[in-house]
Amino acid sequence: MRIPLYVALVVAIAVGGGGASVWFALNAIDGLDTLRVGVWTAYPDSGTPQVDPYGRARIARDGELPLGRAEGLYFLASRDSSGQGLRRRCRYRIEGGVPVARFWTLYAADRTGRAAPRPTGPADGLHSRQLLRRTDNSFEIAIGRAPAPGNWLAVKGTGEMVLVLTLYDTPVANGADARDIEMPAIYRTGCDA
């Protein structure tokens, strides 16, 4: 009776350990092709045959249709410029500019990358052709639940969020050096109770 119990214990440890290692590899490891610029992270190889095995598994698991290098590149930010996690109950200000791109979009998503629930009123995200800009072509975007003057990205709900900035038809996707890329800063301006 002890041998079947030991076999069952070994199988449980193997299956549990294997499952935990797969979860860790897919959720906690950024991947081999990660491009970091400040708080923004991109995966330039995700839409190419050169994607690493973990990236390929994440794409298959999430059912993503990643952009190829000729199409563009998306950047994710889960923290503000001070290193604190982004929360939907807080207000933020995005300030600066983005790399050269024919067109870009910005929206708030949950931790899995799905667009956050839409509040009534404005659209789910912003795009480059609808922004009010400064004379130096930089911009400022307010993010939060309450309407704000100027550029405003509405969010709803509570919990963590990720900002997704997608650059379409950009030279950054073709292997630019991270030191040469300018990305906007994200500042927390307050939180609701």
C-alpha atoms as a PDB file:
ATOM      1  CA  MET A   1       0.000   0.000   0.000  1.00  0.00           C
ATOM      2  CA  ARG A   2       2.952   2.340   0.589  1.00  0.00           C
ATOM      3  CA  ILE A   3       4.349   2.031  -2.952  1.00  0.00           C
ATOM      4  CA  PRO A   4       1.154   3.298  -4.694  1.00  0.00           C
ATOM      5  CA  LEU A   5       1.041   6.154  -2.162  1.00  0.00           C
ATOM      6  CA  TYR A   6       4.666   7.092  -2.935  1.00  0.00           C
ATOM      7  CA  VAL A   7       4.017   6.878  -6.671  1.00  0.00           C
ATOM      8  CA  ALA A   8       0.957   9.132  -6.302  1.00  0.00           C
ATOM      9  CA  LEU A   9       2.979  11.607  -4.220  1.00  0.00           C
ATOM     10  CA  VAL A  10       5.816  11.701  -6.783  1.00  0.00           C
ATOM     11  CA  VAL A  11       3.329  12.193  -9.651  1.00  0.00           C
ATOM     12  CA  ALA A  12       1.554  14.987  -7.733  1.00  0.00           C
ATOM     13  CA  ILE A  13       4.861  16.746  -7.041  1.00  0.00           C
ATOM     14  CA  ALA A  14       5.964  16.375 -10.679  1.00  0.00           C
ATOM     15  CA  VAL A  15       2.665  17.636 -12.108  1.00  0.00           C
ATOM     16  CA  GLY A  16       2.375  20.453  -9.551  1.00  0.00           C
ATOM     17  CA  GLY A  17       6.005  21.514  -9.977  1.00  0.00           C
ATOM     18  CA  GLY A  18       5.788  21.326 -13.756  1.00  0.00           C
ATOM     19  CA  GLY A  19       2.577  23.356 -13.809  1.00  0.00           C
ATOM     20  CA  ALA A  20       4.048  25.959 -11.436  1.00  0.00           C
ATOM     21  CA  SER A  21       7.203  26.289 -13.538  1.00  0.00           C
ATOM     22  CA  VAL A  22       5.139  26.771 -16.719  1.00  0.00           C
ATOM     23  CA  TRP A  23       2.978  29.404 -14.996  1.00  0.00           C
ATOM     24  CA  PHE A  24       6.117  31.192 -13.764  1.00  0.00           C
ATOM     25  CA  ALA A  25       7.774  31.070 -17.186  1.00  0.00           C
ATOM     26  CA  LEU A  26       4.704  32.439 -18.976  1.00  0.00           C
ATOM     27  CA  ASN A  27       3.703  35.091 -16.443  1.00  0.00           C
ATOM     28  CA  ALA A  28       6.790  36.197 -14.560  1.00  0.00           C
ATOM     29  CA  ILE A  29       9.581  36.037 -17.142  1.00  0.00           C
ATOM     30  CA  ASP A  30       9.575  38.865 -19.676  1.00  0.00           C
ATOM     31  CA  GLY A  31      11.159  36.854 -22.438  1.00  0.00           C
ATOM     32  CA  LEU A  32      14.379  36.931 -24.352  1.00  0.00           C
ATOM     33  CA  ASP A  33      13.430  39.654 -26.822  1.00  0.00           C
ATOM     34  CA  THR A  34      12.384  42.353 -24.361  1.00  0.00           C
ATOM     35  CA  LEU A  35      12.953  46.034 -25.168  1.00  0.00           C
ATOM     36  CA  ARG A  36      12.710  48.313 -22.113  1.00  0.00           C
ATOM     37  CA  VAL A  37      12.498  52.085 -22.369  1.00  0.00           C
ATOM     38  CA  GLY A  38      11.829  53.639 -18.967  1.00  0.00           C
ATOM     39  CA  VAL A  39       8.631  52.056 -17.619  1.00  0.00           C
ATOM     40  CA  TRP A  40       7.575  50.877 -21.085  1.00  0.00           C
ATOM     41  CA  THR A  41       8.242  47.304 -22.270  1.00  0.00           C
ATOM     42  CA  ALA A  42       7.961  45.958 -25.816  1.00  0.00           C
ATOM     43  CA  TYR A  43       8.552  42.593 -27.461  1.00  0.00           C
ATOM     44  CA  PRO A  44       9.896  43.378 -30.955  1.00  0.00           C
ATOM     45  CA  ASP A  45      10.182  39.735 -32.049  1.00  0.00           C
ATOM     46  CA  SER A  46       6.658  38.710 -30.999  1.00  0.00           C
ATOM     47  CA  GLY A  47       5.235  38.905 -34.519  1.00  0.00           C
ATOM     48  CA  THR A  48       8.201  37.289 -36.232  1.00  0.00           C
ATOM     49  CA  PRO A  49       9.521  33.740 -36.648  1.00  0.00           C
ATOM     50  CA  GLN A  50      12.389  34.679 -34.273  1.00  0.00           C
ATOM     51  CA  VAL A  51      10.068  34.865 -31.234  1.00  0.00           C
ATOM     52  CA  ASP A  52      11.416  32.949 -28.239  1.00  0.00           C
ATOM     53  CA  PRO A  53       9.571  29.769 -27.089  1.00  0.00           C
ATOM     54  CA  TYR A  54       8.067  31.499 -24.031  1.00  0.00           C
ATOM     55  CA  GLY A  55       6.768  34.342 -26.167  1.00  0.00           C
ATOM     56  CA  ARG A  56       5.293  31.861 -28.645  1.00  0.00           C
ATOM     57  CA  ALA A  57       3.549  30.033 -25.766  1.00  0.00           C
ATOM     58  CA  ARG A  58       2.156  33.324 -24.367  1.00  0.00           C
ATOM     59  CA  ILE A  59       0.821  34.276 -27.809  1.00  0.00           C
ATOM     60  CA  ALA A  60      -0.857  30.887 -28.206  1.00  0.00           C
ATOM     61  CA  ARG A  61      -2.275  30.894 -24.669  1.00  0.00           C
ATOM     62  CA  ASP A  62      -3.711  34.415 -24.946  1.00  0.00           C
ATOM     63  CA  GLY A  63      -4.923  34.046 -28.536  1.00  0.00           C
ATOM     64  CA  GLU A  64      -3.025  37.160 -29.609  1.00  0.00           C
ATOM     65  CA  LEU A  65      -2.425  38.294 -33.148  1.00  0.00           C
ATOM     66  CA  PRO A  66       0.860  40.212 -32.743  1.00  0.00           C
ATOM     67  CA  LEU A  67       2.074  42.853 -35.150  1.00  0.00           C
ATOM     68  CA  GLY A  68       4.935  42.006 -37.499  1.00  0.00           C
ATOM     69  CA  ARG A  69       7.987  44.255 -37.673  1.00  0.00           C
ATOM     70  CA  ALA A  70       6.725  45.992 -40.807  1.00  0.00           C
ATOM     71  CA  GLU A  71       3.363  46.686 -39.134  1.00  0.00           C
ATOM     72  CA  GLY A  72       4.401  48.176 -35.814  1.00  0.00           C
ATOM     73  CA  LEU A  73       5.186  47.583 -32.170  1.00  0.00           C
ATOM     74  CA  TYR A  74       3.242  47.787 -28.936  1.00  0.00           C
ATOM     75  CA  PHE A  75       4.618  48.953 -25.583  1.00  0.00           C
ATOM     76  CA  LEU A  76       3.143  48.041 -22.199  1.00  0.00           C
ATOM     77  CA  ALA A  77       3.453  50.012 -18.951  1.00  0.00           C
ATOM     78  CA  SER A  78       2.282  48.491 -15.668  1.00  0.00           C
ATOM     79  CA  ARG A  79       4.088  50.998 -13.415  1.00  0.00           C
ATOM     80  CA  ASP A  80       4.343  54.767 -13.234  1.00  0.00           C
ATOM     81  CA  SER A  81       7.659  56.619 -13.450  1.00  0.00           C
ATOM     82  CA  SER A  82       8.177  56.330  -9.671  1.00  0.00           C
ATOM     83  CA  GLY A  83       7.846  52.524  -9.839  1.00  0.00           C
ATOM     84  CA  GLN A  84       4.367  52.168  -8.318  1.00  0.00           C
ATOM     85  CA  GLY A  85       1.868  49.842 -10.003  1.00  0.00           C
ATOM     86  CA  LEU A  86      -0.872  51.435 -12.112  1.00  0.00           C
ATOM     87  CA  ARG A  87      -4.310  51.287 -10.464  1.00  0.00           C
ATOM     88  CA  ARG A  88      -7.670  52.189 -12.003  1.00  0.00           C
ATOM     89  CA  ARG A  89      -8.758  54.116  -8.910  1.00  0.00           C
ATOM     90  CA  CYS A  90      -5.818  56.527  -9.315  1.00  0.00           C
ATOM     91  CA  ARG A  91      -5.316  59.494 -11.617  1.00  0.00           C
ATOM     92  CA  TYR A  92      -2.249  59.801 -13.844  1.00  0.00           C
ATOM     93  CA  ARG A  93      -0.639  62.234 -16.234  1.00  0.00           C
ATOM     94  CA  ILE A  94       1.281  60.995 -19.264  1.00  0.00           C
ATOM     95  CA  GLU A  95       3.663  63.599 -20.536  1.00  0.00           C
ATOM     96  CA  GLY A  96       6.220  63.792 -23.320  1.00  0.00           C
ATOM     97  CA  GLY A  97       6.408  62.426 -26.817  1.00  0.00           C
ATOM     98  CA  VAL A  98       6.476  59.123 -28.640  1.00  0.00           C
ATOM     99  CA  PRO A  99       8.858  57.739 -31.277  1.00  0.00           C
ATOM    100  CA  VAL A 100       8.197  58.515 -34.915  1.00  0.00           C
ATOM    101  CA  ALA A 101       5.208  56.518 -36.159  1.00  0.00           C
ATOM    102  CA  ARG A 102       2.612  56.950 -38.865  1.00  0.00           C
ATOM    103  CA  PHE A 103      -0.160  56.404 -36.308  1.00  0.00           C
ATOM    104  CA  TRP A 104      -0.387  55.334 -32.653  1.00  0.00           C
ATOM    105  CA  THR A 105      -3.048  54.366 -30.126  1.00  0.00           C
ATOM    106  CA  LEU A 106      -3.191  54.360 -26.324  1.00  0.00           C
ATOM    107  CA  TYR A 107      -5.663  52.479 -24.141  1.00  0.00           C
ATOM    108  CA  ALA A 108      -5.969  51.073 -20.626  1.00  0.00           C
ATOM    109  CA  ALA A 109      -6.116  47.295 -20.250  1.00  0.00           C
ATOM    110  CA  ASP A 110      -6.326  44.750 -17.455  1.00  0.00           C
ATOM    111  CA  ARG A 111      -3.314  42.601 -16.509  1.00  0.00           C
ATOM    112  CA  THR A 112      -4.085  40.150 -19.330  1.00  0.00           C
ATOM    113  CA  GLY A 113      -3.973  42.891 -21.979  1.00  0.00           C
ATOM    114  CA  ARG A 114      -7.730  43.058 -22.588  1.00  0.00           C
ATOM    115  CA  ALA A 115      -9.186  46.548 -22.858  1.00  0.00           C
ATOM    116  CA  ALA A 116     -10.533  47.821 -19.553  1.00  0.00           C
ATOM    117  CA  PRO A 117     -14.317  48.159 -19.176  1.00  0.00           C
ATOM    118  CA  ARG A 118     -15.676  51.151 -21.068  1.00  0.00           C
ATOM    119  CA  PRO A 119     -17.278  53.984 -19.119  1.00  0.00           C
ATOM    120  CA  THR A 120     -20.232  55.740 -20.662  1.00  0.00           C
ATOM    121  CA  GLY A 121     -19.193  58.634 -22.819  1.00  0.00           C
ATOM    122  CA  PRO A 122     -15.789  58.882 -24.475  1.00  0.00           C
ATOM    123  CA  ALA A 123     -14.064  56.217 -26.510  1.00  0.00           C
ATOM    124  CA  ASP A 124     -12.012  53.401 -24.996  1.00  0.00           C
ATOM    125  CA  GLY A 125      -8.701  54.898 -26.062  1.00  0.00           C
ATOM    126  CA  LEU A 126      -6.922  57.759 -27.719  1.00  0.00           C
ATOM    127  CA  HIS A 127      -5.054  57.969 -30.993  1.00  0.00           C
ATOM    128  CA  SER A 128      -2.403  60.254 -32.387  1.00  0.00           C
ATOM    129  CA  ARG A 129      -4.694  62.177 -34.711  1.00  0.00           C
ATOM    130  CA  GLN A 130      -7.079  63.359 -32.030  1.00  0.00           C
ATOM    131  CA  LEU A 131      -4.624  64.765 -29.471  1.00  0.00           C
ATOM    132  CA  LEU A 132      -4.121  68.360 -28.510  1.00  0.00           C
ATOM    133  CA  ARG A 133      -0.370  68.997 -28.739  1.00  0.00           C
ATOM    134  CA  ARG A 134       2.101  71.572 -27.513  1.00  0.00           C
ATOM    135  CA  THR A 135       4.166  73.650 -29.934  1.00  0.00           C
ATOM    136  CA  ASP A 136       7.114  71.207 -29.599  1.00  0.00           C
ATOM    137  CA  ASN A 137       4.787  68.323 -30.630  1.00  0.00           C
ATOM    138  CA  SER A 138       4.771  66.843 -27.106  1.00  0.00           C
ATOM    139  CA  PHE A 139       1.500  66.181 -25.312  1.00  0.00           C
ATOM    140  CA  GLU A 140      -0.101  65.660 -21.927  1.00  0.00           C
ATOM    141  CA  ILE A 141      -2.830  63.098 -21.272  1.00  0.00           C
ATOM    142  CA  ALA A 142      -4.883  62.850 -18.080  1.00  0.00           C
ATOM    143  CA  ILE A 143      -5.933  59.321 -17.125  1.00  0.00           C
ATOM    144  CA  GLY A 144      -8.662  58.668 -14.582  1.00  0.00           C
ATOM    145  CA  ARG A 145     -12.306  58.114 -13.826  1.00  0.00           C
ATOM    146  CA  ALA A 146     -13.256  61.796 -13.617  1.00  0.00           C
ATOM    147  CA  PRO A 147     -13.284  63.954 -16.770  1.00  0.00           C
ATOM    148  CA  ALA A 148     -10.281  66.219 -17.204  1.00  0.00           C
ATOM    149  CA  PRO A 149      -9.669  69.175 -19.529  1.00  0.00           C
ATOM    150  CA  GLY A 150      -7.564  68.609 -22.628  1.00  0.00           C
ATOM    151  CA  ASN A 151      -6.604  65.052 -23.516  1.00  0.00           C
ATOM    152  CA  TRP A 152      -8.369  62.564 -21.245  1.00  0.00           C
ATOM    153  CA  LEU A 153      -8.254  58.757 -21.236  1.00  0.00           C
ATOM    154  CA  ALA A 154     -11.225  57.461 -19.268  1.00  0.00           C
ATOM    155  CA  VAL A 155     -10.901  54.367 -17.073  1.00  0.00           C
ATOM    156  CA  LYS A 156     -13.467  52.592 -14.962  1.00  0.00           C
ATOM    157  CA  GLY A 157     -13.449  50.057 -12.162  1.00  0.00           C
ATOM    158  CA  THR A 158     -10.844  49.097  -9.609  1.00  0.00           C
ATOM    159  CA  GLY A 159      -7.726  46.977  -9.554  1.00  0.00           C
ATOM    160  CA  GLU A 160      -4.543  46.940 -11.561  1.00  0.00           C
ATOM    161  CA  MET A 161      -4.244  48.216 -15.100  1.00  0.00           C
ATOM    162  CA  VAL A 162      -1.722  48.284 -17.906  1.00  0.00           C
ATOM    163  CA  LEU A 163      -1.330  51.053 -20.467  1.00  0.00           C
ATOM    164  CA  VAL A 164      -0.886  49.827 -24.044  1.00  0.00           C
ATOM    165  CA  LEU A 165       0.778  52.184 -26.521  1.00  0.00           C
ATOM    166  CA  THR A 166       0.803  50.760 -30.052  1.00  0.00           C
ATOM    167  CA  LEU A 167       3.005  52.366 -32.695  1.00  0.00           C
ATOM    168  CA  TYR A 168       2.042  51.584 -36.294  1.00  0.00           C
ATOM    169  CA  ASP A 169       4.560  51.786 -39.151  1.00  0.00           C
ATOM    170  CA  THR A 170       7.492  52.847 -36.988  1.00  0.00           C
ATOM    171  CA  PRO A 171      11.243  52.444 -37.473  1.00  0.00           C
ATOM    172  CA  VAL A 172      11.517  51.472 -33.785  1.00  0.00           C
ATOM    173  CA  ALA A 173      10.209  48.005 -34.665  1.00  0.00           C
ATOM    174  CA  ASN A 174      13.286  47.344 -36.795  1.00  0.00           C
ATOM    175  CA  GLY A 175      15.837  47.114 -33.999  1.00  0.00           C
ATOM    176  CA  ALA A 176      16.354  50.659 -32.745  1.00  0.00           C
ATOM    177  CA  ASP A 177      18.627  51.153 -29.739  1.00  0.00           C
ATOM    178  CA  ALA A 178      16.676  51.747 -26.507  1.00  0.00           C
ATOM    179  CA  ARG A 179      18.879  54.773 -25.735  1.00  0.00           C
ATOM    180  CA  ASP A 180      17.610  56.500 -28.881  1.00  0.00           C
ATOM    181  CA  ILE A 181      13.906  55.989 -28.139  1.00  0.00           C
ATOM    182  CA  GLU A 182      11.868  58.662 -26.367  1.00  0.00           C
ATOM    183  CA  MET A 183       8.802  57.428 -24.492  1.00  0.00           C
ATOM    184  CA  PRO A 184       6.371  59.478 -22.392  1.00  0.00           C
ATOM    185  CA  ALA A 185       6.654  59.577 -18.606  1.00  0.00           C
ATOM    186  CA  ILE A 186       3.742  58.474 -16.395  1.00  0.00           C
ATOM    187  CA  TYR A 187       3.087  60.456 -13.179  1.00  0.00           C
ATOM    188  CA  ARG A 188       0.549  59.612 -10.478  1.00  0.00           C
ATOM    189  CA  THR A 189      -1.430  62.738  -9.576  1.00  0.00           C
ATOM    190  CA  GLY A 190      -3.721  61.261  -6.902  1.00  0.00           C
ATOM    191  CA  CYS A 191      -6.023  58.405  -5.982  1.00  0.00           C
ATOM    192  CA  ASP A 192      -9.710  58.119  -5.145  1.00  0.00           C
ATOM    193  CA  ALA A 193     -10.674  56.651  -1.811  1.00  0.00           C
END
